[in-house]
């Protein structure tokens, strides 16, 4: 039960990070023009890795 809850939580966080990345895309593109990079990709990559680990642990 605990593994399933953890997997669901990580999945929701992963999906929310994707949503935030999509919403921030216009701002990120504008900021890149002036030389500032938003590190949203790091959050998405880390949550994807965490989700894959919990998915593998639950099977």
Protein backbone atom coordinates (compact mmCIF):
# COMPACT_ATOMS: atom_id res chain seq x y z
CA UNK A 1 0.00 0.00 0.00
CA UNK A 2 2.82 2.39 0.90
CA UNK A 3 4.58 1.73 -2.43
CA UNK A 4 1.38 2.43 -4.35
CA UNK A 5 0.87 5.71 -2.49
CA UNK A 6 4.47 6.71 -3.14
CA UNK A 7 4.16 5.80 -6.82
CA UNK A 8 0.95 7.82 -7.17
CA UNK A 9 2.48 10.81 -5.39
CA UNK A 10 5.58 10.79 -7.57
CA UNK A 11 3.42 10.42 -10.68
CA UNK A 12 1.31 13.43 -9.70
CA UNK A 13 4.43 15.50 -8.99
CA UNK A 14 5.88 14.47 -12.35
CA UNK A 15 2.71 15.48 -14.17
CA UNK A 16 2.60 18.82 -12.31
CA UNK A 17 6.23 19.51 -13.22
CA UNK A 18 5.36 18.93 -16.88
CA UNK A 19 2.42 21.32 -16.58
CA UNK A 20 4.59 23.99 -14.93
CA UNK A 21 7.19 23.54 -17.66
CA UNK A 22 4.56 24.06 -20.37
CA UNK A 23 3.08 27.10 -18.61
CA UNK A 24 6.52 28.66 -18.11
CA UNK A 25 7.64 27.99 -21.68
CA UNK A 26 6.91 31.50 -23.03
CA UNK A 27 8.72 33.08 -20.08
CA UNK A 28 11.64 30.66 -20.45
CA UNK A 29 12.00 31.50 -24.14
CA UNK A 30 11.98 35.23 -23.40
CA UNK A 31 14.48 34.82 -20.58
CA UNK A 32 16.78 32.72 -22.77
CA UNK A 33 16.99 35.66 -25.20
CA UNK A 34 18.54 37.77 -22.45
CA UNK A 35 20.81 34.96 -21.26
CA UNK A 36 18.94 33.48 -18.29
CA UNK A 37 18.00 29.79 -18.31
CA UNK A 38 15.19 28.38 -16.16
CA UNK A 39 16.21 24.93 -14.84
CA UNK A 40 12.76 23.34 -15.21
CA UNK A 41 14.25 20.46 -17.20
CA UNK A 42 16.21 19.35 -14.13
CA UNK A 43 13.04 19.00 -12.07
CA UNK A 44 11.27 17.07 -14.82
CA UNK A 45 14.26 14.73 -15.30
CA UNK A 46 14.59 14.02 -11.58
CA UNK A 47 10.90 13.32 -11.13
CA UNK A 48 10.87 11.09 -14.20
CA UNK A 49 13.76 9.08 -12.75
CA UNK A 50 12.03 8.85 -9.37
CA UNK A 51 8.80 7.68 -11.01
CA UNK A 52 10.62 5.03 -13.02
CA UNK A 53 12.29 3.74 -9.84
CA UNK A 54 8.99 3.52 -7.93
CA UNK A 55 7.33 1.89 -10.93
CA UNK A 56 10.06 -0.75 -11.09
CA UNK A 57 9.89 -1.33 -7.31
CA UNK A 58 6.14 -1.92 -7.37
CA UNK A 59 6.25 -4.67 -9.99
